[in-house]
Amino acid sequence: MNWLAYEHYSYAALAVLGTLAAVWLVHWLAHHGMLAGRLERFRGVAPPFLNVNAMLFGLTLAFIANDTWSARDRAMDAVLREADNLRSLLVLAEVLPAQQQAALTGAVRDYGTQVAAEFGALRTREVAPGASVAADAMLRLVAGPGLAQAAGDVLQAEMLRKVMVLRDDRDLRVSLSRTHLNPLKWLGMAALGFLTILSIAVVHLETPRAGMLAIALFALAAAPSAAIVLVQGNPFQQPAAISAEAIVEAVR
């Protein structure tokens, strides 16, 4: 198994465990560790100071989440375009003579079947060789002189355009399935989260219990949110994996 393909889950677990560790460490240092006495001089930090780091943390998480869900939307759009173009090729094939119609219909359905089966490989950032072979075979058939004579220049050009769009959409899906996490983005967000925890602790130096509650509430909001975004890094993995059902229905 390609464990690197599931790095999103590892980072999600790290985000949750790291947040818990940061909460314990900050609370211990602020009220029980060697720094507890030295921090007395910093009492009186105004509560509105929390808004600065918290707002930056929230914006950073929102930007990263937008990138993640945008990639999923692009992958879903690619699947729907593929299904529509496969269905269109089957409809256009109906105007061809029987021999060319059977050949094109078979090539389109073979490609759709191979591509639908490839979704399992996309979960592990791999590709199915059969899909590439079927794509090349369909392109050779549509671009061949036999279909040109049977369909005419206009219809052949439209079929070629749809075949090329199919290939582009497949390449897009493959590239989105192989996207790795940007460590700098997540490191920046982790730093802002840690600074927010520190800010909460400093503001509540005089009320340790209230400070612990405030830090815990922030951790309960931040850690699961980050984990939800992280586990959706590959749009073809669970818990919200994109299905090939639209492609299957198009060539059924």
Foldseek 3Di string as FASTA:
>chain_A
DQVLLQVLLVVLVCLLVVLVVLLVVLLCCCPPDPCVVVLPVLADDDPVVLCPLVVVLVVLLVVLLVVLVVLLVLLLVLLLLLLVLLLVQLVLLVQFPPVLSVVLLVLSLQLLVLLQVQLVVLSSLGGDVSNVVSLVVNLCSLPDPVVCVRRPDVSSVVNNVSSVSNVVSSVSLSVQSPDDDDVVSVVVSVVSLSVSLNSLSSNCSVPSVVSSVVSVVSSVVPSVSSSVSSSSSRCCDPPNHDHSVSSNVSSD
